[in-house]
Amino acid sequence: MLKEGEKAPDFELPNQAGQLVRLSDILKEKNVVLYFYPKDDTPGCTKEACFFRDLYEDFKGQGAEVIGVSSDDAASHGKFAQKHNLPFVLLADEGGKVRKQFRVGKTLGFIPGRVTFVIDQQGTIRYSFNSMTKPLEHVQNTLSVLRSMSEAKL
């Protein structure tokens, strides 16, 4: 996976409404928490997404946008977002191209990995975390990193 200090590759993917979203456009206004997850509506992924949802206002308060990415299609993302009231963007990386660009591997050789990145407005990865078994730590850790980034600006 890409490491801290590396540049995040720009990409464009459809969101849950089918509209194209470009990373560089969001970075013009905010830092980005980009999290890759295995599959919509599975137990660990649902817990992770709902925890991001529950702390979404905190992320916004730290000047960041949360974006989830999986290989599910836009329709699946739409149902998942609606079912769980997710206020953030979910992107459909159906062919896994963006996952490959960020070097997010597979667990056990076939389960898409769970990796979270914090990307600053200059497009530099400030934090990366990889753990299939600790979905909630992804959320807490990224919020802590964003707080540290905000404090460093003061």
N, C-alpha and C. Protein backbone atom coordinates (compact mmCIF):
# COMPACT_ATOMS: atom_id res chain seq x y z
N MET A 1 0.84 -1.18 0.00
CA MET A 1 0.00 0.00 0.00
C MET A 1 0.88 1.23 0.00
N LEU A 2 0.32 2.33 -0.50
CA LEU A 2 1.06 3.58 -0.49
C LEU A 2 1.33 4.00 0.96
N LYS A 3 2.45 4.66 1.16
CA LYS A 3 2.88 5.03 2.51
C LYS A 3 2.81 6.53 2.73
N GLU A 4 2.93 6.91 3.99
CA GLU A 4 2.96 8.31 4.37
C GLU A 4 4.11 9.01 3.64
N GLY A 5 3.82 10.21 3.14
CA GLY A 5 4.80 10.99 2.40
C GLY A 5 4.70 10.81 0.89
N GLU A 6 4.04 9.75 0.43
CA GLU A 6 3.87 9.54 -1.01
C GLU A 6 2.68 10.36 -1.52
N LYS A 7 2.71 10.66 -2.80
CA LYS A 7 1.60 11.38 -3.43
C LYS A 7 0.47 10.40 -3.74
N ALA A 8 -0.73 10.84 -3.46
CA ALA A 8 -1.91 10.03 -3.79
C ALA A 8 -2.21 10.19 -5.27
N PRO A 9 -2.42 9.10 -5.98
CA PRO A 9 -2.78 9.22 -7.40
C PRO A 9 -4.18 9.83 -7.55
N ASP A 10 -4.33 10.70 -8.52
CA ASP A 10 -5.65 11.26 -8.78
C ASP A 10 -6.48 10.19 -9.50
N PHE A 11 -7.78 10.25 -9.31
CA PHE A 11 -8.67 9.29 -9.96
C PHE A 11 -10.05 9.91 -10.07
N GLU A 12 -10.88 9.24 -10.87
CA GLU A 12 -12.28 9.63 -11.04
C GLU A 12 -13.11 8.36 -11.05
N LEU A 13 -14.12 8.31 -10.16
CA LEU A 13 -15.01 7.15 -10.06
C LEU A 13 -16.44 7.62 -9.84
N PRO A 14 -17.42 6.78 -10.22
CA PRO A 14 -18.82 7.13 -9.96
C PRO A 14 -19.18 6.94 -8.48
N ASN A 15 -20.01 7.87 -7.97
CA ASN A 15 -20.50 7.74 -6.61
C ASN A 15 -21.80 6.94 -6.60
N GLN A 16 -22.45 6.90 -5.45
CA GLN A 16 -23.67 6.09 -5.32
C GLN A 16 -24.82 6.60 -6.17
N ALA A 17 -24.74 7.84 -6.64
CA ALA A 17 -25.76 8.39 -7.53
C ALA A 17 -25.35 8.27 -9.00
N GLY A 18 -24.17 7.68 -9.26
CA GLY A 18 -23.69 7.52 -10.62
C GLY A 18 -22.93 8.73 -11.15
N GLN A 19 -22.75 9.77 -10.33
CA GLN A 19 -22.01 10.97 -10.76
C GLN A 19 -20.52 10.75 -10.55
N LEU A 20 -19.73 11.25 -11.50
CA LEU A 20 -18.28 11.08 -11.39
C LEU A 20 -17.70 12.04 -10.35
N VAL A 21 -16.83 11.50 -9.51
CA VAL A 21 -16.15 12.26 -8.47
C VAL A 21 -14.65 12.14 -8.71
N ARG A 22 -13.97 13.29 -8.70
CA ARG A 22 -12.52 13.31 -8.91
C ARG A 22 -11.86 13.73 -7.60
N LEU A 23 -10.86 12.95 -7.18
CA LEU A 23 -10.15 13.23 -5.93
C LEU A 23 -9.58 14.64 -5.92
N SER A 24 -8.92 15.06 -6.98
CA SER A 24 -8.28 16.38 -7.01
C SER A 24 -9.28 17.52 -6.82
N ASP A 25 -10.53 17.34 -7.25
CA ASP A 25 -11.55 18.37 -7.05
C ASP A 25 -11.88 18.54 -5.57
N ILE A 26 -11.97 17.44 -4.85
CA ILE A 26 -12.28 17.52 -3.42
C ILE A 26 -11.09 18.09 -2.64
N LEU A 27 -9.88 17.72 -3.05
CA LEU A 27 -8.68 18.21 -2.36
C LEU A 27 -8.49 19.72 -2.51
N LYS A 28 -9.13 20.33 -3.48
CA LYS A 28 -9.05 21.79 -3.63
C LYS A 28 -9.68 22.49 -2.42
N GLU A 29 -10.60 21.78 -1.76
CA GLU A 29 -11.34 22.39 -0.65
C GLU A 29 -11.06 21.76 0.71
N LYS A 30 -10.70 20.49 0.73
CA LYS A 30 -10.61 19.76 2.00
C LYS A 30 -9.53 18.69 1.95
N ASN A 31 -9.11 18.26 3.13
CA ASN A 31 -8.35 17.02 3.25
C ASN A 31 -9.32 15.88 2.99
N VAL A 32 -8.80 14.71 2.68
CA VAL A 32 -9.67 13.56 2.39
C VAL A 32 -9.26 12.36 3.24
N VAL A 33 -10.27 11.73 3.81
CA VAL A 33 -10.11 10.42 4.44
C VAL A 33 -10.66 9.43 3.43
N LEU A 34 -9.76 8.70 2.80
CA LEU A 34 -10.12 7.74 1.76
C LEU A 34 -10.00 6.35 2.34
N TYR A 35 -11.14 5.67 2.46
CA TYR A 35 -11.06 4.33 3.04
C TYR A 35 -11.58 3.28 2.07
N PHE A 36 -10.74 2.29 1.88
CA PHE A 36 -11.08 1.13 1.05
C PHE A 36 -11.64 0.05 1.95
N TYR A 37 -12.74 -0.54 1.54
CA TYR A 37 -13.36 -1.59 2.34
C TYR A 37 -13.78 -2.73 1.41
N PRO A 38 -13.94 -3.93 1.97
CA PRO A 38 -14.22 -5.09 1.11
C PRO A 38 -15.57 -5.10 0.40
N LYS A 39 -16.69 -4.86 1.14
CA LYS A 39 -17.99 -5.08 0.51
C LYS A 39 -19.10 -4.39 1.28
N ASP A 40 -20.06 -3.83 0.52
CA ASP A 40 -21.23 -3.20 1.13
C ASP A 40 -22.01 -4.21 1.98
N ASP A 41 -22.52 -3.71 3.09
CA ASP A 41 -23.49 -4.42 3.93
C ASP A 41 -22.99 -5.73 4.53
N THR A 42 -21.69 -5.87 4.71
CA THR A 42 -21.15 -7.00 5.45
C THR A 42 -20.88 -6.51 6.88
N PRO A 43 -20.78 -7.41 7.86
CA PRO A 43 -20.70 -6.96 9.25
C PRO A 43 -19.60 -5.96 9.57
N GLY A 44 -18.35 -6.26 9.23
CA GLY A 44 -17.25 -5.35 9.54
C GLY A 44 -17.35 -4.04 8.77
N CYS A 45 -17.74 -4.12 7.51
CA CYS A 45 -17.84 -2.92 6.67
C CYS A 45 -18.98 -2.03 7.13
N THR A 46 -20.07 -2.64 7.58
CA THR A 46 -21.19 -1.86 8.09
C THR A 46 -20.80 -1.15 9.38
N LYS A 47 -20.13 -1.84 10.28
CA LYS A 47 -19.68 -1.20 11.53
C LYS A 47 -18.76 -0.03 11.23
N GLU A 48 -17.82 -0.24 10.31
CA GLU A 48 -16.87 0.82 9.95
C GLU A 48 -17.61 2.02 9.36
N ALA A 49 -18.49 1.79 8.40
CA ALA A 49 -19.22 2.86 7.74
C ALA A 49 -20.09 3.63 8.74
N CYS A 50 -20.74 2.90 9.63
CA CYS A 50 -21.61 3.56 10.61
C CYS A 50 -20.80 4.36 11.63
N PHE A 51 -19.61 3.92 11.95
CA PHE A 51 -18.75 4.67 12.85
C PHE A 51 -18.28 5.95 12.17
N PHE A 52 -17.91 5.84 10.88
CA PHE A 52 -17.59 7.06 10.12
C PHE A 52 -18.81 7.99 10.11
N ARG A 53 -19.99 7.43 9.91
CA ARG A 53 -21.23 8.22 9.91
C ARG A 53 -21.41 8.94 11.24
N ASP A 54 -21.26 8.19 12.33
CA ASP A 54 -21.49 8.76 13.66
C ASP A 54 -20.52 9.88 14.00
N LEU A 55 -19.33 9.85 13.44
CA LEU A 55 -18.33 10.88 13.70
C LEU A 55 -18.13 11.84 12.52
N TYR A 56 -19.03 11.76 11.55
CA TYR A 56 -18.88 12.55 10.33
C TYR A 56 -18.75 14.05 10.61
N GLU A 57 -19.54 14.57 11.52
CA GLU A 57 -19.47 16.00 11.84
C GLU A 57 -18.10 16.36 12.42
N ASP A 58 -17.50 15.44 13.18
CA ASP A 58 -16.14 15.67 13.70
C ASP A 58 -15.14 15.74 12.55
N PHE A 59 -15.29 14.87 11.56
CA PHE A 59 -14.40 14.90 10.40
C PHE A 59 -14.56 16.22 9.65
N LYS A 60 -15.80 16.63 9.45
CA LYS A 60 -16.04 17.90 8.77
C LYS A 60 -15.44 19.06 9.57
N GLY A 61 -15.56 18.99 10.89
CA GLY A 61 -15.00 20.01 11.75
C GLY A 61 -13.49 20.09 11.67
N GLN A 62 -12.86 19.00 11.27
CA GLN A 62 -11.41 18.97 11.10
C GLN A 62 -11.01 19.29 9.66
N GLY A 63 -11.98 19.72 8.85
CA GLY A 63 -11.69 20.12 7.47
C GLY A 63 -11.45 18.97 6.53
N ALA A 64 -12.14 17.84 6.79
CA ALA A 64 -11.92 16.65 5.96
C ALA A 64 -13.24 16.11 5.41
N GLU A 65 -13.13 15.47 4.25
CA GLU A 65 -14.24 14.75 3.66
C GLU A 65 -13.93 13.26 3.71
N VAL A 66 -14.92 12.47 4.06
CA VAL A 66 -14.79 11.01 4.11
C VAL A 66 -15.29 10.44 2.79
N ILE A 67 -14.51 9.51 2.23
CA ILE A 67 -14.89 8.84 0.99
C ILE A 67 -14.61 7.35 1.14
N GLY A 68 -15.64 6.54 0.94
CA GLY A 68 -15.48 5.09 0.97
C GLY A 68 -15.36 4.54 -0.44
N VAL A 69 -14.53 3.52 -0.60
CA VAL A 69 -14.32 2.91 -1.92
C VAL A 69 -14.38 1.39 -1.79
N SER A 70 -15.18 0.76 -2.63
CA SER A 70 -15.16 -0.69 -2.75
C SER A 70 -15.45 -1.06 -4.21
N SER A 71 -15.41 -2.34 -4.49
CA SER A 71 -15.65 -2.81 -5.85
C SER A 71 -17.13 -2.97 -6.18
N ASP A 72 -17.99 -2.70 -5.20
CA ASP A 72 -19.43 -2.77 -5.45
C ASP A 72 -19.83 -1.69 -6.44
N ASP A 73 -20.94 -1.91 -7.15
CA ASP A 73 -21.39 -0.92 -8.13
C ASP A 73 -22.16 0.21 -7.45
N ALA A 74 -22.45 1.25 -8.22
CA ALA A 74 -23.12 2.44 -7.69
C ALA A 74 -24.48 2.10 -7.08
N ALA A 75 -25.22 1.20 -7.68
CA ALA A 75 -26.53 0.83 -7.15
C ALA A 75 -26.41 0.19 -5.77
N SER A 76 -25.44 -0.70 -5.61
CA SER A 76 -25.20 -1.32 -4.31
C SER A 76 -24.83 -0.27 -3.27
N HIS A 77 -23.96 0.66 -3.67
CA HIS A 77 -23.57 1.75 -2.77
C HIS A 77 -24.78 2.59 -2.38
N GLY A 78 -25.65 2.86 -3.33
CA GLY A 78 -26.85 3.65 -3.04
C GLY A 78 -27.72 2.99 -1.99
N LYS A 79 -27.94 1.69 -2.12
CA LYS A 79 -28.75 0.95 -1.15
C LYS A 79 -28.07 0.93 0.22
N PHE A 80 -26.77 0.71 0.23
CA PHE A 80 -26.00 0.65 1.47
C PHE A 80 -26.05 2.02 2.18
N ALA A 81 -25.83 3.08 1.43
CA ALA A 81 -25.85 4.43 2.01
C ALA A 81 -27.23 4.78 2.55
N GLN A 82 -28.25 4.43 1.80
CA GLN A 82 -29.61 4.75 2.23
C GLN A 82 -30.00 3.94 3.46
N LYS A 83 -29.71 2.66 3.45
CA LYS A 83 -30.07 1.77 4.56
C LYS A 83 -29.45 2.24 5.88
N HIS A 84 -28.22 2.75 5.81
CA HIS A 84 -27.50 3.11 7.04
C HIS A 84 -27.33 4.62 7.21
N ASN A 85 -28.05 5.42 6.40
CA ASN A 85 -27.99 6.89 6.52
C ASN A 85 -26.57 7.42 6.44
N LEU A 86 -25.82 6.97 5.47
CA LEU A 86 -24.43 7.40 5.35
C LEU A 86 -24.39 8.76 4.66
N PRO A 87 -23.80 9.77 5.31
CA PRO A 87 -23.80 11.13 4.75
C PRO A 87 -22.63 11.42 3.82
N PHE A 88 -21.76 10.47 3.61
CA PHE A 88 -20.56 10.69 2.81
C PHE A 88 -20.62 9.90 1.52
N VAL A 89 -19.67 10.17 0.67
CA VAL A 89 -19.61 9.58 -0.67
C VAL A 89 -19.06 8.15 -0.62
N LEU A 90 -19.68 7.28 -1.39
CA LEU A 90 -19.16 5.93 -1.63
C LEU A 90 -18.87 5.85 -3.13
N LEU A 91 -17.68 5.38 -3.47
CA LEU A 91 -17.28 5.30 -4.87
C LEU A 91 -17.18 3.86 -5.34
N ALA A 92 -17.62 3.65 -6.58
CA ALA A 92 -17.64 2.32 -7.19
C ALA A 92 -16.37 2.10 -8.01
N ASP A 93 -15.49 1.28 -7.48
CA ASP A 93 -14.24 0.92 -8.16
C ASP A 93 -14.38 -0.51 -8.68
N GLU A 94 -15.33 -0.69 -9.61
CA GLU A 94 -15.72 -2.03 -10.04
C GLU A 94 -14.59 -2.87 -10.59
N GLY A 95 -13.68 -2.28 -11.31
CA GLY A 95 -12.57 -3.06 -11.85
C GLY A 95 -11.37 -3.13 -10.92
N GLY A 96 -11.44 -2.41 -9.80
CA GLY A 96 -10.34 -2.42 -8.85
C GLY A 96 -9.14 -1.58 -9.28
N LYS A 97 -9.32 -0.71 -10.26
CA LYS A 97 -8.20 0.09 -10.78
C LYS A 97 -7.62 1.02 -9.71
N VAL A 98 -8.49 1.73 -8.99
CA VAL A 98 -8.02 2.68 -7.98
C VAL A 98 -7.40 1.92 -6.80
N ARG A 99 -8.00 0.82 -6.44
CA ARG A 99 -7.44 -0.04 -5.39
C ARG A 99 -5.99 -0.42 -5.76
N LYS A 100 -5.78 -0.76 -7.01
CA LYS A 100 -4.42 -1.11 -7.47
C LYS A 100 -3.50 0.10 -7.44
N GLN A 101 -3.99 1.28 -7.83
CA GLN A 101 -3.17 2.50 -7.81
C GLN A 101 -2.68 2.81 -6.40
N PHE A 102 -3.52 2.54 -5.41
CA PHE A 102 -3.15 2.79 -4.02
C PHE A 102 -2.46 1.58 -3.38
N ARG A 103 -2.25 0.53 -4.19
CA ARG A 103 -1.58 -0.71 -3.76
C ARG A 103 -2.26 -1.34 -2.54
N VAL A 104 -3.58 -1.36 -2.58
CA VAL A 104 -4.35 -2.00 -1.53
C VAL A 104 -4.54 -3.46 -1.94
N GLY A 105 -3.87 -4.35 -1.25
CA GLY A 105 -3.89 -5.76 -1.61
C GLY A 105 -5.12 -6.49 -1.13
N LYS A 106 -5.05 -7.79 -1.26
CA LYS A 106 -6.15 -8.66 -0.82
C LYS A 106 -5.70 -9.46 0.39
N THR A 107 -6.66 -9.75 1.25
CA THR A 107 -6.41 -10.58 2.42
C THR A 107 -6.73 -12.02 2.03
N LEU A 108 -5.87 -12.93 2.43
CA LEU A 108 -6.02 -14.35 2.09
C LEU A 108 -6.06 -14.56 0.58
N GLY A 109 -5.58 -13.58 -0.17
CA GLY A 109 -5.49 -13.71 -1.62
C GLY A 109 -6.77 -13.45 -2.39
N PHE A 110 -7.90 -13.25 -1.67
CA PHE A 110 -9.15 -13.03 -2.42
C PHE A 110 -10.10 -12.00 -1.81
N ILE A 111 -9.93 -11.62 -0.56
CA ILE A 111 -10.81 -10.63 0.06
C ILE A 111 -10.18 -9.24 -0.11
N PRO A 112 -10.87 -8.31 -0.76
CA PRO A 112 -10.31 -6.97 -0.93
C PRO A 112 -9.93 -6.37 0.43
N GLY A 113 -8.77 -5.75 0.49
CA GLY A 113 -8.25 -5.24 1.75
C GLY A 113 -9.01 -4.05 2.31
N ARG A 114 -8.79 -3.84 3.62
CA ARG A 114 -9.37 -2.70 4.32
C ARG A 114 -8.20 -1.77 4.69
N VAL A 115 -8.09 -0.66 3.99
CA VAL A 115 -7.00 0.30 4.20
C VAL A 115 -7.58 1.70 4.19
N THR A 116 -7.09 2.54 5.11
CA THR A 116 -7.54 3.92 5.20
C THR A 116 -6.35 4.86 5.02
N PHE A 117 -6.57 5.92 4.25
CA PHE A 117 -5.56 6.95 4.00
C PHE A 117 -6.10 8.30 4.42
N VAL A 118 -5.23 9.13 5.00
CA VAL A 118 -5.53 10.55 5.17
C VAL A 118 -4.66 11.28 4.16
N ILE A 119 -5.31 12.06 3.29
CA ILE A 119 -4.62 12.78 2.21
C ILE A 119 -4.82 14.27 2.44
N ASP A 120 -3.70 15.01 2.52
CA ASP A 120 -3.82 16.46 2.74
C ASP A 120 -4.15 17.16 1.42
N GLN A 121 -4.41 18.46 1.50
CA GLN A 121 -4.85 19.21 0.32
C GLN A 121 -3.79 19.32 -0.76
N GLN A 122 -2.55 19.03 -0.42
CA GLN A 122 -1.49 19.01 -1.43
C GLN A 122 -1.41 17.65 -2.12
N GLY A 123 -2.26 16.71 -1.71
CA GLY A 123 -2.28 15.39 -2.32
C GLY A 123 -1.28 14.42 -1.73
N THR A 124 -0.71 14.77 -0.57
CA THR A 124 0.27 13.90 0.10
C THR A 124 -0.42 13.03 1.13
N ILE A 125 -0.07 11.77 1.13
CA ILE A 125 -0.61 10.85 2.12
C ILE A 125 0.06 11.15 3.46
N ARG A 126 -0.75 11.49 4.43
CA ARG A 126 -0.24 11.83 5.76
C ARG A 126 -0.35 10.67 6.73
N TYR A 127 -1.18 9.66 6.37
CA TYR A 127 -1.39 8.53 7.26
C TYR A 127 -1.96 7.39 6.44
N SER A 128 -1.56 6.17 6.75
CA SER A 128 -2.16 4.98 6.13
C SER A 128 -2.25 3.89 7.19
N PHE A 129 -3.34 3.16 7.17
CA PHE A 129 -3.60 2.12 8.16
C PHE A 129 -4.23 0.93 7.46
N ASN A 130 -3.69 -0.24 7.73
CA ASN A 130 -4.15 -1.47 7.08
C ASN A 130 -4.50 -2.49 8.15
N SER A 131 -5.78 -2.83 8.25
CA SER A 131 -6.19 -3.90 9.16
C SER A 131 -7.56 -4.40 8.77
N MET A 132 -7.64 -5.65 8.40
CA MET A 132 -8.91 -6.26 8.05
C MET A 132 -9.75 -6.49 9.30
N THR A 133 -9.09 -6.75 10.43
CA THR A 133 -9.80 -7.17 11.62
C THR A 133 -10.15 -6.05 12.60
N LYS A 134 -9.72 -4.82 12.32
CA LYS A 134 -9.97 -3.71 13.24
C LYS A 134 -10.64 -2.54 12.52
N PRO A 135 -11.86 -2.73 12.01
CA PRO A 135 -12.49 -1.68 11.22
C PRO A 135 -12.74 -0.39 12.00
N LEU A 136 -13.00 -0.48 13.29
CA LEU A 136 -13.30 0.72 14.05
C LEU A 136 -12.05 1.55 14.34
N GLU A 137 -10.90 0.89 14.42
CA GLU A 137 -9.65 1.62 14.64
C GLU A 137 -9.33 2.55 13.47
N HIS A 138 -9.77 2.18 12.27
CA HIS A 138 -9.54 3.03 11.11
C HIS A 138 -10.15 4.41 11.35
N VAL A 139 -11.33 4.43 11.93
CA VAL A 139 -12.06 5.68 12.14
C VAL A 139 -11.38 6.52 13.22
N GLN A 140 -11.13 5.92 14.37
CA GLN A 140 -10.51 6.66 15.48
C GLN A 140 -9.13 7.17 15.11
N ASN A 141 -8.32 6.33 14.48
CA ASN A 141 -6.95 6.73 14.13
C ASN A 141 -6.94 7.91 13.16
N THR A 142 -7.81 7.87 12.17
CA THR A 142 -7.81 8.95 11.18
C THR A 142 -8.25 10.27 11.80
N LEU A 143 -9.21 10.21 12.70
CA LEU A 143 -9.66 11.43 13.37
C LEU A 143 -8.53 12.02 14.22
N SER A 144 -7.78 11.18 14.88
CA SER A 144 -6.62 11.65 15.67
C SER A 144 -5.58 12.31 14.78
N VAL A 145 -5.31 11.72 13.63
CA VAL A 145 -4.33 12.29 12.69
C VAL A 145 -4.80 13.67 12.21
N LEU A 146 -6.08 13.78 11.87
CA LEU A 146 -6.62 15.06 11.40
C LEU A 146 -6.51 16.12 12.50
N ARG A 147 -6.77 15.74 13.73
CA ARG A 147 -6.64 16.69 14.84
C ARG A 147 -5.19 17.16 14.96
N SER A 148 -4.25 16.24 14.84
CA SER A 148 -2.83 16.60 14.91
C SER A 148 -2.45 17.54 13.77
N MET A 149 -2.99 17.29 12.58
CA MET A 149 -2.71 18.16 11.44
C MET A 149 -3.25 19.56 11.69
N SER A 150 -4.45 19.65 12.28
CA SER A 150 -5.03 20.96 12.58
C SER A 150 -4.22 21.70 13.62
N GLU A 151 -3.77 20.98 14.64
CA GLU A 151 -2.96 21.59 15.71
C GLU A 151 -1.63 22.08 15.16
N ALA A 152 -1.07 21.35 14.21
CA ALA A 152 0.22 21.73 13.64
C ALA A 152 0.12 23.05 12.86
N LYS A 153 -1.07 23.35 12.34
CA LYS A 153 -1.27 24.59 11.58
C LYS A 153 -1.35 25.81 12.50
N LEU A 154 -1.70 25.58 13.78
CA LEU A 154 -1.89 26.71 14.71
C LEU A 154 -0.59 27.37 15.10
